[in-house]
Amino acid sequence: MNEDRMIFGITEFLEGMGLDLSDQHLSKTPDRIMRAWRDSFGAGYSQDPRKMLSVEFIEDYDDMVVIKDIPFLSFCSHHMVPFLGTAKIGYIPDGKVTGLSKLARVLDVYAKRLQIQERLTREVATCIQEVLKPKGVGVILSAEHMCMTHRGVSKPGSTTITSCILGEMLNNASTRQEFLSF
């Protein structure tokens, strides 16, 4: 990330809104925004999600593993406003498992990039499928988008649900239903 360019762009934006950056509450705002995006909101650009799954354990377990109600926060690539919600991530191991927190970390890396929910859902599922090579993967995201609830159509409380189901979870109706029922 080019911190100087970020600060310059943020300064131009705020001044373009007619704000006085000599105001005590705004004078350090460009630097604060840059650090927030560098260290938190955009931190996923400097991380490799595949490395989050590098901890693998050989385990003769082939039943479904599901973690649900995983909170996430991301920013819409169309308006740069937040969307937040919860995720359900599941997989069917094929000889190896990963630490449970690793699945949430994969979600965090992708969520800390400018996103659309559909792409975020697919990126998480595809990463798990490619790295762990499980029999199947399922990811469901449910989120409220501030670009929809607080601007434009202004429908607070509306929720968007997306899913990406791969492998045995997609091809086997009873396995898919088991995942969806959790």
C-alpha atoms as a PDB file:
ATOM      1  CA  MET A   1       0.000   0.000   0.000  1.00  0.00           C
ATOM      2  CA  ASN A   2       1.188   3.481  -0.808  1.00  0.00           C
ATOM      3  CA  GLU A   3       0.445   5.368   2.417  1.00  0.00           C
ATOM      4  CA  ASP A   4       1.356   8.816   1.037  1.00  0.00           C
ATOM      5  CA  ARG A   5      -0.979   8.364  -1.929  1.00  0.00           C
ATOM      6  CA  MET A   6      -3.759   7.186   0.359  1.00  0.00           C
ATOM      7  CA  ILE A   7      -3.388  10.239   2.628  1.00  0.00           C
ATOM      8  CA  PHE A   8      -3.270  12.545  -0.389  1.00  0.00           C
ATOM      9  CA  GLY A   9      -6.431  10.997  -1.873  1.00  0.00           C
ATOM     10  CA  ILE A  10      -8.320  11.108   1.421  1.00  0.00           C
ATOM     11  CA  THR A  11      -7.290  14.724   1.931  1.00  0.00           C
ATOM     12  CA  GLU A  12      -8.490  15.623  -1.573  1.00  0.00           C
ATOM     13  CA  PHE A  13     -11.793  13.836  -0.965  1.00  0.00           C
ATOM     14  CA  LEU A  14     -12.465  15.578   2.348  1.00  0.00           C
ATOM     15  CA  GLU A  15     -11.467  18.974   0.970  1.00  0.00           C
ATOM     16  CA  GLY A  16     -13.637  18.240  -2.069  1.00  0.00           C
ATOM     17  CA  MET A  17     -16.560  17.894   0.323  1.00  0.00           C
ATOM     18  CA  GLY A  18     -15.782  21.425   1.493  1.00  0.00           C
ATOM     19  CA  LEU A  19     -14.408  20.381   4.875  1.00  0.00           C
ATOM     20  CA  ASP A  20     -11.817  22.453   6.717  1.00  0.00           C
ATOM     21  CA  LEU A  21      -8.976  20.089   7.594  1.00  0.00           C
ATOM     22  CA  SER A  22      -7.537  22.611  10.036  1.00  0.00           C
ATOM     23  CA  ASP A  23     -10.489  21.807  12.330  1.00  0.00           C
ATOM     24  CA  GLN A  24      -9.160  19.966  15.408  1.00  0.00           C
ATOM     25  CA  HIS A  25     -11.466  17.011  14.716  1.00  0.00           C
ATOM     26  CA  LEU A  26     -10.389  16.687  11.074  1.00  0.00           C
ATOM     27  CA  SER A  27      -6.717  17.642  11.032  1.00  0.00           C
ATOM     28  CA  LYS A  28      -5.474  14.073  11.538  1.00  0.00           C
ATOM     29  CA  THR A  29      -8.401  12.340   9.854  1.00  0.00           C
ATOM     30  CA  PRO A  30      -6.590  11.491   6.575  1.00  0.00           C
ATOM     31  CA  ASP A  31      -3.835   9.718   8.531  1.00  0.00           C
ATOM     32  CA  ARG A  32      -6.379   7.936  10.767  1.00  0.00           C
ATOM     33  CA  ILE A  33      -8.361   6.730   7.758  1.00  0.00           C
ATOM     34  CA  MET A  34      -5.188   5.529   6.026  1.00  0.00           C
ATOM     35  CA  ARG A  35      -4.133   3.557   9.119  1.00  0.00           C
ATOM     36  CA  ALA A  36      -7.631   2.085   9.538  1.00  0.00           C
ATOM     37  CA  TRP A  37      -7.577   0.779   5.963  1.00  0.00           C
ATOM     38  CA  ARG A  38      -3.941  -0.331   6.104  1.00  0.00           C
ATOM     39  CA  ASP A  39      -4.173  -2.105   9.455  1.00  0.00           C
ATOM     40  CA  SER A  40      -7.775  -3.322   9.541  1.00  0.00           C
ATOM     41  CA  PHE A  41     -10.348  -2.750   6.791  1.00  0.00           C
ATOM     42  CA  GLY A  42      -7.919  -3.520   3.946  1.00  0.00           C
ATOM     43  CA  ALA A  43      -5.541  -5.839   5.778  1.00  0.00           C
ATOM     44  CA  GLY A  44      -6.649  -8.787   3.652  1.00  0.00           C
ATOM     45  CA  TYR A  45      -4.694  -7.457   0.680  1.00  0.00           C
ATOM     46  CA  SER A  46      -1.417  -8.184   2.466  1.00  0.00           C
ATOM     47  CA  GLN A  47      -2.392 -11.677   3.639  1.00  0.00           C
ATOM     48  CA  ASP A  48      -2.539 -15.021   1.868  1.00  0.00           C
ATOM     49  CA  PRO A  49      -5.753 -16.841   2.861  1.00  0.00           C
ATOM     50  CA  ARG A  50      -4.286 -20.174   1.807  1.00  0.00           C
ATOM     51  CA  LYS A  51      -1.678 -19.857   4.576  1.00  0.00           C
ATOM     52  CA  MET A  52      -4.494 -19.647   7.122  1.00  0.00           C
ATOM     53  CA  LEU A  53      -5.259 -23.296   6.376  1.00  0.00           C
ATOM     54  CA  SER A  54      -1.646 -24.454   6.602  1.00  0.00           C
ATOM     55  CA  VAL A  55      -2.262 -26.148   9.953  1.00  0.00           C
ATOM     56  CA  GLU A  56      -3.523 -29.581   8.991  1.00  0.00           C
ATOM     57  CA  PHE A  57      -3.905 -32.730  11.047  1.00  0.00           C
ATOM     58  CA  ILE A  58      -4.154 -36.243   9.688  1.00  0.00           C
ATOM     59  CA  GLU A  59      -7.434 -37.505  11.060  1.00  0.00           C
ATOM     60  CA  ASP A  60      -9.658 -40.423  10.086  1.00  0.00           C
ATOM     61  CA  TYR A  61     -12.818 -38.324  10.318  1.00  0.00           C
ATOM     62  CA  ASP A  62     -15.172 -38.057   7.374  1.00  0.00           C
ATOM     63  CA  ASP A  63     -18.323 -36.572   8.873  1.00  0.00           C
ATOM     64  CA  MET A  64     -19.295 -32.967   8.405  1.00  0.00           C
ATOM     65  CA  VAL A  65     -17.596 -30.184  10.365  1.00  0.00           C
ATOM     66  CA  VAL A  66     -19.650 -26.982  10.571  1.00  0.00           C
ATOM     67  CA  ILE A  67     -18.984 -23.675  12.276  1.00  0.00           C
ATOM     68  CA  LYS A  68     -21.881 -21.269  12.249  1.00  0.00           C
ATOM     69  CA  ASP A  69     -22.677 -17.751  13.401  1.00  0.00           C
ATOM     70  CA  ILE A  70     -19.171 -16.493  12.526  1.00  0.00           C
ATOM     71  CA  PRO A  71     -19.420 -12.698  12.483  1.00  0.00           C
ATOM     72  CA  PHE A  72     -17.755 -10.775   9.665  1.00  0.00           C
ATOM     73  CA  LEU A  73     -17.424  -7.207   8.428  1.00  0.00           C
ATOM     74  CA  SER A  74     -16.499  -6.192   4.910  1.00  0.00           C
ATOM     75  CA  PHE A  75     -16.755  -3.132   2.696  1.00  0.00           C
ATOM     76  CA  CYS A  76     -18.739  -2.995  -0.527  1.00  0.00           C
ATOM     77  CA  SER A  77     -16.508  -2.410  -3.540  1.00  0.00           C
ATOM     78  CA  HIS A  78     -19.257  -0.348  -5.165  1.00  0.00           C
ATOM     79  CA  HIS A  79     -19.735   2.290  -2.430  1.00  0.00           C
ATOM     80  CA  MET A  80     -17.011   1.539   0.154  1.00  0.00           C
ATOM     81  CA  VAL A  81     -19.602   1.239   2.902  1.00  0.00           C
ATOM     82  CA  PRO A  82     -19.817  -1.706   5.302  1.00  0.00           C
ATOM     83  CA  PHE A  83     -21.773  -4.875   5.017  1.00  0.00           C
ATOM     84  CA  LEU A  84     -21.823  -7.123   8.039  1.00  0.00           C
ATOM     85  CA  GLY A  85     -23.300 -10.419   8.961  1.00  0.00           C
ATOM     86  CA  THR A  86     -22.617 -13.999   9.871  1.00  0.00           C
ATOM     87  CA  ALA A  87     -21.204 -17.000   8.079  1.00  0.00           C
ATOM     88  CA  LYS A  88     -21.763 -20.725   8.207  1.00  0.00           C
ATOM     89  CA  ILE A  89     -18.764 -22.687   6.944  1.00  0.00           C
ATOM     90  CA  GLY A  90     -18.693 -26.464   6.697  1.00  0.00           C
ATOM     91  CA  TYR A  91     -16.613 -29.152   5.099  1.00  0.00           C
ATOM     92  CA  ILE A  92     -16.378 -32.928   4.922  1.00  0.00           C
ATOM     93  CA  PRO A  93     -12.760 -33.944   5.651  1.00  0.00           C
ATOM     94  CA  ASP A  94     -10.991 -36.477   3.469  1.00  0.00           C
ATOM     95  CA  GLY A  95      -8.190 -37.664   5.739  1.00  0.00           C
ATOM     96  CA  LYS A  96      -7.164 -34.340   7.215  1.00  0.00           C
ATOM     97  CA  VAL A  97      -8.717 -31.568   9.271  1.00  0.00           C
ATOM     98  CA  THR A  98      -7.648 -28.029  10.097  1.00  0.00           C
ATOM     99  CA  GLY A  99      -7.944 -25.969  13.248  1.00  0.00           C
ATOM    100  CA  LEU A 100     -11.466 -24.594  13.586  1.00  0.00           C
ATOM    101  CA  SER A 101     -10.284 -21.014  13.931  1.00  0.00           C
ATOM    102  CA  LYS A 102      -8.527 -21.319  10.570  1.00  0.00           C
ATOM    103  CA  LEU A 103     -11.853 -21.360   8.730  1.00  0.00           C
ATOM    104  CA  ALA A 104     -12.862 -18.078  10.363  1.00  0.00           C
ATOM    105  CA  ARG A 105      -9.444 -16.629   9.517  1.00  0.00           C
ATOM    106  CA  VAL A 106      -9.922 -17.430   5.828  1.00  0.00           C
ATOM    107  CA  LEU A 107     -13.222 -15.553   5.959  1.00  0.00           C
ATOM    108  CA  ASP A 108     -11.521 -12.586   7.641  1.00  0.00           C
ATOM    109  CA  VAL A 109      -8.745 -12.331   5.043  1.00  0.00           C
ATOM    110  CA  TYR A 110     -11.188 -12.197   2.152  1.00  0.00           C
ATOM    111  CA  ALA A 111     -13.617  -9.941   4.049  1.00  0.00           C
ATOM    112  CA  LYS A 112     -10.825  -7.415   4.676  1.00  0.00           C
ATOM    113  CA  ARG A 113     -10.748  -6.533   0.993  1.00  0.00           C
ATOM    114  CA  LEU A 114     -13.225  -4.468  -0.981  1.00  0.00           C
ATOM    115  CA  GLN A 115     -15.875  -7.052  -1.786  1.00  0.00           C
ATOM    116  CA  ILE A 116     -19.233  -8.035  -3.071  1.00  0.00           C
ATOM    117  CA  GLN A 117     -20.928 -10.712  -1.006  1.00  0.00           C
ATOM    118  CA  GLU A 118     -21.254 -13.159  -3.885  1.00  0.00           C
ATOM    119  CA  ARG A 119     -17.498 -13.122  -4.588  1.00  0.00           C
ATOM    120  CA  LEU A 120     -16.637 -13.301  -0.880  1.00  0.00           C
ATOM    121  CA  THR A 121     -18.774 -16.438  -0.509  1.00  0.00           C
ATOM    122  CA  ARG A 122     -17.153 -18.165  -3.473  1.00  0.00           C
ATOM    123  CA  GLU A 123     -13.594 -17.149  -2.512  1.00  0.00           C
ATOM    124  CA  VAL A 124     -13.927 -18.678   0.973  1.00  0.00           C
ATOM    125  CA  ALA A 125     -15.403 -21.944  -0.341  1.00  0.00           C
ATOM    126  CA  THR A 126     -12.899 -22.249  -3.186  1.00  0.00           C
ATOM    127  CA  CYS A 127      -9.907 -21.606  -0.918  1.00  0.00           C
ATOM    128  CA  ILE A 128     -11.015 -24.325   1.512  1.00  0.00           C
ATOM    129  CA  GLN A 129     -11.662 -26.732  -1.371  1.00  0.00           C
ATOM    130  CA  GLU A 130      -8.288 -26.095  -3.025  1.00  0.00           C
ATOM    131  CA  VAL A 131      -6.150 -26.231   0.132  1.00  0.00           C
ATOM    132  CA  LEU A 132      -7.785 -28.928   2.262  1.00  0.00           C
ATOM    133  CA  LYS A 133      -9.157 -30.969  -0.647  1.00  0.00           C
ATOM    134  CA  PRO A 134     -12.157 -32.133   1.380  1.00  0.00           C
ATOM    135  CA  LYS A 135     -14.993 -34.239   0.005  1.00  0.00           C
ATOM    136  CA  GLY A 136     -17.222 -31.195   0.073  1.00  0.00           C
ATOM    137  CA  VAL A 137     -17.482 -27.576   1.205  1.00  0.00           C
ATOM    138  CA  GLY A 138     -20.390 -25.311   2.034  1.00  0.00           C
ATOM    139  CA  VAL A 139     -20.359 -21.584   2.790  1.00  0.00           C
ATOM    140  CA  ILE A 140     -23.428 -19.467   3.515  1.00  0.00           C
ATOM    141  CA  LEU A 141     -23.201 -15.746   4.241  1.00  0.00           C
ATOM    142  CA  SER A 142     -26.056 -13.645   5.584  1.00  0.00           C
ATOM    143  CA  ALA A 143     -25.413  -9.912   5.697  1.00  0.00           C
ATOM    144  CA  GLU A 144     -26.938  -6.463   5.933  1.00  0.00           C
ATOM    145  CA  HIS A 145     -25.528  -4.043   3.359  1.00  0.00           C
ATOM    146  CA  MET A 146     -25.363  -0.412   4.416  1.00  0.00           C
ATOM    147  CA  CYS A 147     -25.412   0.627   0.736  1.00  0.00           C
ATOM    148  CA  MET A 148     -28.920  -0.843   0.578  1.00  0.00           C
ATOM    149  CA  THR A 149     -30.184  -0.107   4.049  1.00  0.00           C
ATOM    150  CA  HIS A 150     -28.892   3.425   4.614  1.00  0.00           C
ATOM    151  CA  ARG A 151     -28.807   4.985   1.136  1.00  0.00           C
ATOM    152  CA  GLY A 152     -30.546   4.503  -2.179  1.00  0.00           C
ATOM    153  CA  VAL A 153     -33.568   2.284  -1.628  1.00  0.00           C
ATOM    154  CA  SER A 154     -33.144   2.636   2.202  1.00  0.00           C
ATOM    155  CA  LYS A 155     -34.555  -0.674   3.433  1.00  0.00           C
ATOM    156  CA  PRO A 156     -33.070  -1.115   6.940  1.00  0.00           C
ATOM    157  CA  GLY A 157     -33.077  -4.647   8.284  1.00  0.00           C
ATOM    158  CA  SER A 158     -33.022  -6.343   4.875  1.00  0.00           C
ATOM    159  CA  THR A 159     -30.640  -9.268   4.616  1.00  0.00           C
ATOM    160  CA  THR A 160     -28.804 -10.789   1.671  1.00  0.00           C
ATOM    161  CA  ILE A 161     -28.022 -14.508   1.749  1.00  0.00           C
ATOM    162  CA  THR A 162     -25.479 -16.141  -0.549  1.00  0.00           C
ATOM    163  CA  SER A 163     -24.177 -19.688  -0.725  1.00  0.00           C
ATOM    164  CA  CYS A 164     -21.454 -21.663  -2.409  1.00  0.00           C
ATOM    165  CA  ILE A 165     -21.696 -25.440  -2.165  1.00  0.00           C
ATOM    166  CA  LEU A 166     -18.968 -27.630  -3.683  1.00  0.00           C
ATOM    167  CA  GLY A 167     -18.156 -31.315  -4.074  1.00  0.00           C
ATOM    168  CA  GLU A 168     -20.211 -33.912  -2.228  1.00  0.00           C
ATOM    169  CA  MET A 169     -22.283 -31.222  -0.523  1.00  0.00           C
ATOM    170  CA  LEU A 170     -23.432 -30.068  -3.961  1.00  0.00           C
ATOM    171  CA  ASN A 171     -23.776 -33.450  -5.638  1.00  0.00           C
ATOM    172  CA  ASN A 172     -25.460 -35.375  -2.821  1.00  0.00           C
ATOM    173  CA  ALA A 173     -28.915 -34.027  -1.923  1.00  0.00           C
ATOM    174  CA  SER A 174     -28.992 -35.559   1.566  1.00  0.00           C
ATOM    175  CA  THR A 175     -25.508 -34.243   2.404  1.00  0.00           C
ATOM    176  CA  ARG A 176     -26.462 -30.786   1.127  1.00  0.00           C
ATOM    177  CA  GLN A 177     -29.648 -30.881   3.218  1.00  0.00           C
ATOM    178  CA  GLU A 178     -27.636 -31.930   6.286  1.00  0.00           C
ATOM    179  CA  PHE A 179     -25.394 -28.863   5.867  1.00  0.00           C
ATOM    180  CA  LEU A 180     -28.347 -26.547   5.297  1.00  0.00           C
ATOM    181  CA  SER A 181     -30.147 -27.878   8.370  1.00  0.00           C
ATOM    182  CA  PHE A 182     -27.370 -26.949  10.798  1.00  0.00           C
END
